[in-house]
Structure formats: structure tokens, C-alpha cells
Amino acid sequence: MKPPLLVSERLCFQPWEAEDFPLFASLHGDPDVQHFLEMGDPPWDEAYLRAKFEGFRADYAAHGWTKFKVTDQQGTFLGRAGFGWFPETGELELGYSFKRALWGQGYATEAACALLDWIYNAKPIDHVIGFAVAEHTASRRVLEKVGMSFTGIRDVDGISNAFYRHNRPA
């Protein structure tokens, strides 16, 4: 296993390797994890999962960022967190998904803090956006805890989402 690209107090962030697909598929095969990504739509099928996974790998190869594989310090898979392009605006978007059993333990907040520090040091961008399904109060709290400012409610694929913005620190 390659050394992590980024390490926080409890988390390690690594680009996805081809052999990591079963971990990715297991995360997104959990209906609880998928609920706030798809709002009740059927779970992602294997073809969609593979395309998403390969897209994350391609993002890293092309840009040096992605929605990274997240493990604990011992290498146990916890979820994914990182960045992607938001196609509607071309802005860099922070996102995260963790195993259901880990919700409420501060992993998303820790990941978001570490990733924001990292991206501003790694890339010459002036801001990052984040969004969460409007009714997903826990995810919205994470975005607020890491210093993102609420910018409004917008529709994404027929779902009401709360949008946030984080500006590069001065």
C-alpha cells in the first residue's frame, strides 16, 4: 500500500487503486449511505458504480485531487472524501460519504477541515463549494462547522439542496 497523500488526526487520504473497487461498491451499496445522495432512488448499479469509481481515479490522474479513499491510521476503510468539479458552475466541490456505523463520530468534519487546508496549499483556487440535501441537517452542520457560508437553496436533479461556499483564507 502506498503512503497516504494526506493524514489528519485519525484519517488517511489516498487515491483509489483498481483493487479498491469492492470497498467503494460496499460503501455505496448501503441504502443509508445512498439515501442522501439519491433521495430514495434505486441504489447505483454496478455499471454506474464502476464509472463513478473510474471517474474518481481519472480526476486524481488529471488534477491531483479526487474524492479520496479514507481509512483510519490502521488502514481500515471508512469512506470517501475530497473534491470534484460541480458541472453546473465549474467550481470545485467538497464532498464526503462515510460508512453508516461511523456517522456522528466527527469523521466528516475532520475530513472536511483537513481537505480544505490541503486544497488551498495544493491548488491556486480562491474558493470551494459544498452542498447537502436541504433536509440533511447533519451534513449541513459539517459544512457550517468548517467555516462554509450558506449561499442558498438550489435544485440539483430535482432535489432541494443547501449550498455553501468556503473562501481561501487570507
N, C-alpha and C. Protein backbone atom coordinates (compact mmCIF):
# COMPACT_ATOMS: atom_id res chain seq x y z
N MET A 1 0.84 -1.18 0.00
CA MET A 1 0.00 0.00 0.00
C MET A 1 0.89 1.24 0.00
N LYS A 2 0.52 2.21 -0.84
CA LYS A 2 1.28 3.46 -0.92
C LYS A 2 1.01 4.32 0.31
N PRO A 3 1.97 5.18 0.66
CA PRO A 3 1.73 6.08 1.80
C PRO A 3 0.58 7.03 1.48
N PRO A 4 -0.15 7.48 2.51
CA PRO A 4 -1.26 8.40 2.28
C PRO A 4 -0.77 9.73 1.72
N LEU A 5 -1.62 10.35 0.94
CA LEU A 5 -1.35 11.68 0.40
C LEU A 5 -1.51 12.73 1.50
N LEU A 6 -2.46 12.48 2.39
CA LEU A 6 -2.79 13.42 3.46
C LEU A 6 -3.15 12.61 4.70
N VAL A 7 -2.71 13.09 5.86
CA VAL A 7 -3.03 12.44 7.13
C VAL A 7 -3.54 13.52 8.08
N SER A 8 -4.66 13.22 8.75
CA SER A 8 -5.17 14.10 9.81
C SER A 8 -5.03 13.34 11.12
N GLU A 9 -5.65 13.82 12.16
CA GLU A 9 -5.50 13.17 13.47
C GLU A 9 -5.87 11.69 13.44
N ARG A 10 -6.99 11.36 12.80
CA ARG A 10 -7.45 9.96 12.77
C ARG A 10 -7.55 9.37 11.38
N LEU A 11 -7.40 10.19 10.35
CA LEU A 11 -7.72 9.76 8.99
C LEU A 11 -6.53 9.81 8.05
N CYS A 12 -6.56 8.90 7.06
CA CYS A 12 -5.58 8.88 5.98
C CYS A 12 -6.35 8.96 4.66
N PHE A 13 -5.85 9.78 3.75
CA PHE A 13 -6.50 10.01 2.46
C PHE A 13 -5.56 9.49 1.36
N GLN A 14 -6.09 8.63 0.50
CA GLN A 14 -5.29 8.05 -0.58
C GLN A 14 -6.08 8.03 -1.87
N PRO A 15 -5.40 8.14 -3.00
CA PRO A 15 -6.08 7.93 -4.27
C PRO A 15 -6.56 6.47 -4.34
N TRP A 16 -7.62 6.26 -5.07
CA TRP A 16 -8.15 4.91 -5.25
C TRP A 16 -7.24 4.09 -6.15
N GLU A 17 -7.04 2.85 -5.80
CA GLU A 17 -6.33 1.88 -6.64
C GLU A 17 -7.38 0.96 -7.26
N ALA A 18 -7.06 0.33 -8.38
CA ALA A 18 -8.02 -0.54 -9.06
C ALA A 18 -8.62 -1.58 -8.13
N GLU A 19 -7.79 -2.12 -7.24
CA GLU A 19 -8.27 -3.18 -6.34
C GLU A 19 -9.19 -2.67 -5.23
N ASP A 20 -9.39 -1.36 -5.15
CA ASP A 20 -10.26 -0.78 -4.12
C ASP A 20 -11.74 -0.76 -4.52
N PHE A 21 -12.05 -1.18 -5.74
CA PHE A 21 -13.45 -1.09 -6.18
C PHE A 21 -14.43 -1.78 -5.23
N PRO A 22 -14.14 -2.98 -4.70
CA PRO A 22 -15.11 -3.59 -3.77
C PRO A 22 -15.40 -2.72 -2.54
N LEU A 23 -14.42 -1.98 -2.05
CA LEU A 23 -14.65 -1.08 -0.91
C LEU A 23 -15.62 0.03 -1.31
N PHE A 24 -15.36 0.62 -2.45
CA PHE A 24 -16.22 1.69 -2.98
C PHE A 24 -17.64 1.17 -3.18
N ALA A 25 -17.76 -0.01 -3.78
CA ALA A 25 -19.07 -0.60 -4.05
C ALA A 25 -19.81 -0.92 -2.74
N SER A 26 -19.08 -1.36 -1.73
CA SER A 26 -19.73 -1.68 -0.45
C SER A 26 -20.25 -0.42 0.23
N LEU A 27 -19.49 0.68 0.15
CA LEU A 27 -19.94 1.95 0.73
C LEU A 27 -21.24 2.40 0.06
N HIS A 28 -21.24 2.41 -1.26
CA HIS A 28 -22.39 2.93 -2.00
C HIS A 28 -23.49 1.89 -2.20
N GLY A 29 -23.27 0.67 -1.72
CA GLY A 29 -24.32 -0.33 -1.73
C GLY A 29 -25.19 -0.25 -0.49
N ASP A 30 -24.82 0.58 0.47
CA ASP A 30 -25.58 0.73 1.71
C ASP A 30 -26.71 1.74 1.47
N PRO A 31 -27.97 1.32 1.60
CA PRO A 31 -29.08 2.24 1.35
C PRO A 31 -29.06 3.47 2.26
N ASP A 32 -28.56 3.35 3.49
CA ASP A 32 -28.48 4.52 4.38
C ASP A 32 -27.49 5.54 3.84
N VAL A 33 -26.35 5.08 3.35
CA VAL A 33 -25.34 5.98 2.78
C VAL A 33 -25.90 6.64 1.53
N GLN A 34 -26.58 5.88 0.72
CA GLN A 34 -27.10 6.39 -0.55
C GLN A 34 -28.31 7.30 -0.39
N HIS A 35 -29.02 7.19 0.72
CA HIS A 35 -30.28 7.92 0.86
C HIS A 35 -30.13 9.41 0.55
N PHE A 36 -29.13 10.05 1.14
CA PHE A 36 -28.99 11.49 0.94
C PHE A 36 -28.20 11.83 -0.33
N LEU A 37 -27.72 10.82 -1.03
CA LEU A 37 -27.10 11.07 -2.34
C LEU A 37 -28.16 10.94 -3.45
N GLU A 38 -29.09 10.04 -3.28
CA GLU A 38 -30.06 9.77 -4.33
C GLU A 38 -31.51 10.00 -3.91
N MET A 39 -31.75 10.32 -2.64
CA MET A 39 -33.08 10.63 -2.13
C MET A 39 -34.14 9.59 -2.52
N GLY A 40 -33.84 8.33 -2.22
CA GLY A 40 -34.82 7.28 -2.42
C GLY A 40 -34.77 6.60 -3.77
N ASP A 41 -33.95 7.12 -4.69
CA ASP A 41 -33.82 6.43 -5.97
C ASP A 41 -33.18 5.07 -5.74
N PRO A 42 -33.29 4.18 -6.72
CA PRO A 42 -32.65 2.87 -6.54
C PRO A 42 -31.15 3.03 -6.35
N PRO A 43 -30.51 2.08 -5.64
CA PRO A 43 -29.06 2.15 -5.48
C PRO A 43 -28.36 2.15 -6.84
N TRP A 44 -27.14 2.67 -6.85
CA TRP A 44 -26.37 2.70 -8.09
C TRP A 44 -26.08 1.27 -8.53
N ASP A 45 -26.28 0.99 -9.81
CA ASP A 45 -25.95 -0.35 -10.30
C ASP A 45 -24.44 -0.45 -10.53
N GLU A 46 -23.98 -1.67 -10.81
CA GLU A 46 -22.54 -1.89 -10.92
C GLU A 46 -21.90 -1.06 -12.03
N ALA A 47 -22.59 -0.90 -13.16
CA ALA A 47 -22.02 -0.11 -14.26
C ALA A 47 -21.83 1.35 -13.83
N TYR A 48 -22.81 1.91 -13.14
CA TYR A 48 -22.70 3.29 -12.68
C TYR A 48 -21.61 3.41 -11.62
N LEU A 49 -21.57 2.46 -10.69
CA LEU A 49 -20.53 2.46 -9.66
C LEU A 49 -19.14 2.42 -10.29
N ARG A 50 -18.96 1.55 -11.27
CA ARG A 50 -17.65 1.45 -11.93
C ARG A 50 -17.28 2.75 -12.63
N ALA A 51 -18.26 3.36 -13.30
CA ALA A 51 -18.00 4.63 -13.99
C ALA A 51 -17.63 5.71 -12.99
N LYS A 52 -18.34 5.78 -11.87
CA LYS A 52 -18.05 6.77 -10.83
C LYS A 52 -16.64 6.55 -10.26
N PHE A 53 -16.35 5.29 -9.95
CA PHE A 53 -15.05 4.91 -9.40
C PHE A 53 -13.91 5.28 -10.36
N GLU A 54 -14.07 4.92 -11.62
CA GLU A 54 -13.04 5.25 -12.61
C GLU A 54 -12.94 6.76 -12.82
N GLY A 55 -14.05 7.46 -12.67
CA GLY A 55 -14.01 8.92 -12.75
C GLY A 55 -13.19 9.52 -11.62
N PHE A 56 -13.32 8.96 -10.41
CA PHE A 56 -12.52 9.44 -9.30
C PHE A 56 -11.04 9.19 -9.56
N ARG A 57 -10.73 8.03 -10.11
CA ARG A 57 -9.33 7.71 -10.42
C ARG A 57 -8.80 8.65 -11.51
N ALA A 58 -9.61 8.93 -12.51
CA ALA A 58 -9.20 9.82 -13.60
C ALA A 58 -9.02 11.26 -13.10
N ASP A 59 -9.90 11.70 -12.19
CA ASP A 59 -9.75 13.04 -11.62
C ASP A 59 -8.38 13.19 -10.95
N TYR A 60 -8.00 12.18 -10.18
CA TYR A 60 -6.71 12.26 -9.50
C TYR A 60 -5.55 12.30 -10.50
N ALA A 61 -5.62 11.45 -11.50
CA ALA A 61 -4.56 11.41 -12.51
C ALA A 61 -4.45 12.75 -13.25
N ALA A 62 -5.57 13.38 -13.53
CA ALA A 62 -5.58 14.62 -14.30
C ALA A 62 -5.33 15.87 -13.46
N HIS A 63 -5.83 15.88 -12.22
CA HIS A 63 -5.84 17.13 -11.44
C HIS A 63 -5.08 17.07 -10.12
N GLY A 64 -4.81 15.86 -9.62
CA GLY A 64 -4.15 15.74 -8.33
C GLY A 64 -5.10 15.81 -7.15
N TRP A 65 -6.40 15.85 -7.41
CA TRP A 65 -7.42 15.79 -6.37
C TRP A 65 -8.51 14.83 -6.84
N THR A 66 -9.29 14.36 -5.91
CA THR A 66 -10.40 13.46 -6.19
C THR A 66 -11.22 13.33 -4.93
N LYS A 67 -12.22 12.52 -4.95
CA LYS A 67 -12.89 12.09 -3.72
C LYS A 67 -12.10 10.86 -3.28
N PHE A 68 -11.17 11.08 -2.36
CA PHE A 68 -10.19 10.09 -1.94
C PHE A 68 -10.79 8.95 -1.13
N LYS A 69 -10.09 7.82 -1.14
CA LYS A 69 -10.38 6.73 -0.21
C LYS A 69 -9.91 7.20 1.16
N VAL A 70 -10.73 7.00 2.18
CA VAL A 70 -10.39 7.40 3.54
C VAL A 70 -10.31 6.15 4.42
N THR A 71 -9.20 6.04 5.12
CA THR A 71 -9.00 4.94 6.07
C THR A 71 -8.63 5.53 7.42
N ASP A 72 -8.64 4.66 8.44
CA ASP A 72 -8.09 5.09 9.72
C ASP A 72 -6.58 4.84 9.69
N GLN A 73 -5.90 5.14 10.76
CA GLN A 73 -4.44 5.02 10.81
C GLN A 73 -3.97 3.57 10.64
N GLN A 74 -4.86 2.61 10.93
CA GLN A 74 -4.50 1.19 10.79
C GLN A 74 -4.84 0.64 9.41
N GLY A 75 -5.44 1.46 8.55
CA GLY A 75 -5.76 1.04 7.20
C GLY A 75 -7.18 0.53 7.00
N THR A 76 -8.02 0.61 8.02
CA THR A 76 -9.42 0.18 7.88
C THR A 76 -10.19 1.20 7.05
N PHE A 77 -10.91 0.73 6.05
CA PHE A 77 -11.67 1.59 5.16
C PHE A 77 -12.85 2.23 5.91
N LEU A 78 -12.98 3.56 5.79
CA LEU A 78 -14.03 4.30 6.47
C LEU A 78 -15.03 4.94 5.50
N GLY A 79 -14.54 5.36 4.33
CA GLY A 79 -15.42 6.04 3.38
C GLY A 79 -14.62 6.77 2.33
N ARG A 80 -15.21 7.85 1.83
CA ARG A 80 -14.54 8.66 0.82
C ARG A 80 -14.78 10.13 1.12
N ALA A 81 -13.82 10.96 0.75
CA ALA A 81 -13.96 12.40 0.95
C ALA A 81 -12.96 13.11 0.04
N GLY A 82 -13.36 14.24 -0.47
CA GLY A 82 -12.46 15.00 -1.32
C GLY A 82 -13.21 15.98 -2.20
N PHE A 83 -12.72 16.12 -3.43
CA PHE A 83 -13.21 17.16 -4.32
C PHE A 83 -13.59 16.61 -5.68
N GLY A 84 -14.52 17.32 -6.30
CA GLY A 84 -14.92 17.05 -7.68
C GLY A 84 -15.39 18.35 -8.30
N TRP A 85 -15.47 18.38 -9.63
CA TRP A 85 -16.00 19.56 -10.31
C TRP A 85 -17.51 19.52 -10.22
N PHE A 86 -18.13 20.64 -9.86
CA PHE A 86 -19.59 20.75 -9.92
C PHE A 86 -19.91 21.24 -11.33
N PRO A 87 -20.48 20.38 -12.17
CA PRO A 87 -20.60 20.71 -13.59
C PRO A 87 -21.44 21.94 -13.90
N GLU A 88 -22.42 22.25 -13.08
CA GLU A 88 -23.28 23.41 -13.38
C GLU A 88 -22.52 24.73 -13.33
N THR A 89 -21.50 24.81 -12.48
CA THR A 89 -20.80 26.09 -12.30
C THR A 89 -19.30 26.00 -12.57
N GLY A 90 -18.76 24.79 -12.69
CA GLY A 90 -17.33 24.63 -12.89
C GLY A 90 -16.52 24.90 -11.64
N GLU A 91 -17.17 24.90 -10.47
CA GLU A 91 -16.48 25.13 -9.20
C GLU A 91 -16.05 23.81 -8.59
N LEU A 92 -15.01 23.88 -7.78
CA LEU A 92 -14.55 22.71 -7.04
C LEU A 92 -15.49 22.50 -5.87
N GLU A 93 -15.97 21.25 -5.72
CA GLU A 93 -16.97 20.92 -4.70
C GLU A 93 -16.40 19.91 -3.72
N LEU A 94 -16.56 20.19 -2.43
CA LEU A 94 -16.15 19.29 -1.37
C LEU A 94 -17.29 18.31 -1.11
N GLY A 95 -16.95 17.03 -1.01
CA GLY A 95 -17.97 16.02 -0.71
C GLY A 95 -17.39 14.90 0.13
N TYR A 96 -18.26 14.17 0.81
CA TYR A 96 -17.83 13.08 1.69
C TYR A 96 -18.99 12.10 1.87
N SER A 97 -18.63 10.85 2.05
CA SER A 97 -19.57 9.78 2.41
C SER A 97 -18.81 8.79 3.27
N PHE A 98 -19.37 8.51 4.43
CA PHE A 98 -18.75 7.56 5.35
C PHE A 98 -19.70 6.42 5.66
N LYS A 99 -19.14 5.29 6.07
CA LYS A 99 -19.96 4.14 6.45
C LYS A 99 -20.98 4.56 7.51
N ARG A 100 -22.17 4.01 7.41
CA ARG A 100 -23.27 4.37 8.33
C ARG A 100 -22.87 4.18 9.79
N ALA A 101 -22.16 3.13 10.11
CA ALA A 101 -21.78 2.86 11.50
C ALA A 101 -20.88 3.94 12.08
N LEU A 102 -20.31 4.80 11.23
CA LEU A 102 -19.36 5.83 11.68
C LEU A 102 -19.99 7.22 11.80
N TRP A 103 -21.24 7.35 11.40
CA TRP A 103 -21.89 8.66 11.45
C TRP A 103 -21.93 9.17 12.89
N GLY A 104 -21.77 10.48 13.04
CA GLY A 104 -21.87 11.10 14.35
C GLY A 104 -20.58 11.04 15.17
N GLN A 105 -19.48 10.57 14.57
CA GLN A 105 -18.22 10.46 15.29
C GLN A 105 -17.20 11.52 14.88
N GLY A 106 -17.63 12.50 14.08
CA GLY A 106 -16.76 13.61 13.72
C GLY A 106 -15.85 13.36 12.53
N TYR A 107 -15.99 12.22 11.86
CA TYR A 107 -15.11 11.93 10.74
C TYR A 107 -15.31 12.89 9.57
N ALA A 108 -16.56 13.21 9.24
CA ALA A 108 -16.81 14.12 8.12
C ALA A 108 -16.23 15.51 8.39
N THR A 109 -16.39 16.00 9.62
CA THR A 109 -15.84 17.31 9.97
C THR A 109 -14.32 17.29 9.92
N GLU A 110 -13.72 16.25 10.47
CA GLU A 110 -12.26 16.14 10.44
C GLU A 110 -11.75 16.06 9.01
N ALA A 111 -12.44 15.27 8.19
CA ALA A 111 -12.04 15.14 6.78
C ALA A 111 -12.16 16.48 6.06
N ALA A 112 -13.28 17.16 6.24
CA ALA A 112 -13.50 18.43 5.54
C ALA A 112 -12.46 19.47 5.94
N CYS A 113 -12.15 19.56 7.23
CA CYS A 113 -11.12 20.52 7.69
C CYS A 113 -9.77 20.21 7.05
N ALA A 114 -9.36 18.96 7.11
CA ALA A 114 -8.06 18.57 6.56
C ALA A 114 -8.01 18.82 5.06
N LEU A 115 -9.08 18.50 4.37
CA LEU A 115 -9.10 18.66 2.91
C LEU A 115 -9.09 20.12 2.50
N LEU A 116 -9.82 20.96 3.21
CA LEU A 116 -9.79 22.39 2.87
C LEU A 116 -8.39 22.97 3.05
N ASP A 117 -7.73 22.65 4.16
CA ASP A 117 -6.35 23.11 4.35
C ASP A 117 -5.46 22.62 3.22
N TRP A 118 -5.62 21.35 2.89
CA TRP A 118 -4.78 20.74 1.86
C TRP A 118 -4.99 21.38 0.49
N ILE A 119 -6.25 21.56 0.07
CA ILE A 119 -6.51 22.04 -1.30
C ILE A 119 -5.99 23.46 -1.49
N TYR A 120 -6.11 24.32 -0.48
CA TYR A 120 -5.61 25.68 -0.64
C TYR A 120 -4.09 25.73 -0.71
N ASN A 121 -3.43 24.76 -0.11
CA ASN A 121 -1.97 24.66 -0.23
C ASN A 121 -1.56 24.01 -1.54
N ALA A 122 -2.41 23.15 -2.08
CA ALA A 122 -2.06 22.37 -3.27
C ALA A 122 -2.43 23.06 -4.58
N LYS A 123 -3.47 23.87 -4.58
CA LYS A 123 -4.00 24.43 -5.83
C LYS A 123 -4.30 25.92 -5.67
N PRO A 124 -4.13 26.68 -6.76
CA PRO A 124 -4.37 28.13 -6.69
C PRO A 124 -5.85 28.48 -6.91
N ILE A 125 -6.71 28.00 -6.05
CA ILE A 125 -8.14 28.29 -6.17
C ILE A 125 -8.54 29.30 -5.11
N ASP A 126 -9.58 30.08 -5.38
CA ASP A 126 -9.98 31.10 -4.42
C ASP A 126 -11.14 30.67 -3.53
N HIS A 127 -11.84 29.59 -3.89
CA HIS A 127 -12.94 29.12 -3.05
C HIS A 127 -13.31 27.68 -3.41
N VAL A 128 -14.08 27.08 -2.53
CA VAL A 128 -14.62 25.74 -2.70
C VAL A 128 -16.09 25.82 -2.32
N ILE A 129 -16.93 25.07 -3.02
CA ILE A 129 -18.33 25.00 -2.62
C ILE A 129 -18.61 23.63 -1.98
N GLY A 130 -19.72 23.56 -1.30
CA GLY A 130 -20.22 22.31 -0.76
C GLY A 130 -21.73 22.40 -0.77
N PHE A 131 -22.38 21.26 -0.85
CA PHE A 131 -23.83 21.28 -0.75
C PHE A 131 -24.32 19.97 -0.16
N ALA A 132 -25.50 20.05 0.41
CA ALA A 132 -26.13 18.89 1.03
C ALA A 132 -27.62 18.98 0.78
N VAL A 133 -28.26 17.82 0.71
CA VAL A 133 -29.72 17.81 0.61
C VAL A 133 -30.25 18.70 1.73
N ALA A 134 -31.17 19.58 1.40
CA ALA A 134 -31.64 20.61 2.33
C ALA A 134 -32.08 20.02 3.67
N GLU A 135 -32.68 18.85 3.66
CA GLU A 135 -33.17 18.26 4.91
C GLU A 135 -32.10 17.48 5.68
N HIS A 136 -30.92 17.36 5.12
CA HIS A 136 -29.84 16.59 5.77
C HIS A 136 -29.08 17.50 6.73
N THR A 137 -29.67 17.72 7.91
CA THR A 137 -29.11 18.68 8.86
C THR A 137 -27.71 18.30 9.34
N ALA A 138 -27.42 17.03 9.48
CA ALA A 138 -26.08 16.63 9.97
C ALA A 138 -25.00 17.05 8.97
N SER A 139 -25.24 16.81 7.69
CA SER A 139 -24.24 17.19 6.68
C SER A 139 -24.13 18.71 6.57
N ARG A 140 -25.24 19.39 6.69
CA ARG A 140 -25.19 20.85 6.67
C ARG A 140 -24.40 21.39 7.85
N ARG A 141 -24.53 20.76 9.02
CA ARG A 141 -23.76 21.19 10.20
C ARG A 141 -22.27 21.03 9.95
N VAL A 142 -21.88 19.95 9.28
CA VAL A 142 -20.46 19.75 8.95
C VAL A 142 -19.96 20.92 8.12
N LEU A 143 -20.68 21.28 7.08
CA LEU A 143 -20.26 22.38 6.21
C LEU A 143 -20.15 23.69 7.00
N GLU A 144 -21.07 23.90 7.91
CA GLU A 144 -21.02 25.12 8.72
C GLU A 144 -19.87 25.09 9.72
N LYS A 145 -19.62 23.93 10.32
CA LYS A 145 -18.53 23.80 11.31
C LYS A 145 -17.17 24.09 10.70
N VAL A 146 -17.00 23.79 9.41
CA VAL A 146 -15.69 24.01 8.78
C VAL A 146 -15.57 25.40 8.18
N GLY A 147 -16.56 26.25 8.48
CA GLY A 147 -16.45 27.66 8.07
C GLY A 147 -17.08 28.00 6.75
N MET A 148 -17.92 27.14 6.22
CA MET A 148 -18.59 27.47 4.97
C MET A 148 -19.79 28.36 5.26
N SER A 149 -20.06 29.27 4.33
CA SER A 149 -21.19 30.20 4.45
C SER A 149 -22.33 29.74 3.56
N PHE A 150 -23.53 29.74 4.10
CA PHE A 150 -24.73 29.37 3.36
C PHE A 150 -24.97 30.38 2.26
N THR A 151 -25.21 29.88 1.03
CA THR A 151 -25.45 30.78 -0.10
C THR A 151 -26.84 30.63 -0.70
N GLY A 152 -27.59 29.63 -0.27
CA GLY A 152 -28.96 29.49 -0.77
C GLY A 152 -29.35 28.06 -1.05
N ILE A 153 -30.62 27.88 -1.37
CA ILE A 153 -31.18 26.58 -1.72
C ILE A 153 -31.30 26.54 -3.24
N ARG A 154 -30.80 25.44 -3.83
CA ARG A 154 -30.89 25.25 -5.27
C ARG A 154 -31.28 23.81 -5.56
N ASP A 155 -31.92 23.64 -6.69
CA ASP A 155 -32.34 22.33 -7.14
C ASP A 155 -31.18 21.63 -7.84
N VAL A 156 -30.92 20.38 -7.46
CA VAL A 156 -29.94 19.54 -8.16
C VAL A 156 -30.65 18.23 -8.49
N ASP A 157 -30.85 17.98 -9.75
CA ASP A 157 -31.51 16.75 -10.21
C ASP A 157 -32.87 16.55 -9.53
N GLY A 158 -33.61 17.63 -9.38
CA GLY A 158 -34.95 17.54 -8.81
C GLY A 158 -34.98 17.48 -7.29
N ILE A 159 -33.82 17.67 -6.64
CA ILE A 159 -33.73 17.59 -5.18
C ILE A 159 -33.27 18.94 -4.64
N SER A 160 -33.94 19.42 -3.61
CA SER A 160 -33.60 20.69 -2.97
C SER A 160 -32.31 20.53 -2.17
N ASN A 161 -31.29 21.33 -2.49
CA ASN A 161 -30.00 21.27 -1.81
C ASN A 161 -29.61 22.63 -1.24
N ALA A 162 -29.00 22.59 -0.06
CA ALA A 162 -28.45 23.79 0.57
C ALA A 162 -27.01 23.94 0.10
N PHE A 163 -26.68 25.10 -0.46
CA PHE A 163 -25.33 25.36 -0.98
C PHE A 163 -24.55 26.24 -0.03
N TYR A 164 -23.24 25.98 0.00
CA TYR A 164 -22.31 26.69 0.88
C TYR A 164 -21.06 27.05 0.09
N ARG A 165 -20.33 28.04 0.61
CA ARG A 165 -19.08 28.47 -0.03
C ARG A 165 -18.03 28.68 1.06
N HIS A 166 -16.80 28.27 0.75
CA HIS A 166 -15.66 28.49 1.64
C HIS A 166 -14.61 29.24 0.84
N ASN A 167 -14.23 30.43 1.30
CA ASN A 167 -13.22 31.23 0.62
C ASN A 167 -11.83 30.90 1.12
N ARG A 168 -10.86 31.01 0.23
CA ARG A 168 -9.47 30.80 0.59
C ARG A 168 -9.12 31.72 1.76
N PRO A 169 -8.52 31.17 2.80
CA PRO A 169 -8.13 32.04 3.92
C PRO A 169 -7.13 33.11 3.47
N ALA A 170 -7.23 34.27 4.08
CA ALA A 170 -6.35 35.40 3.73
C ALA A 170 -4.93 35.12 4.14
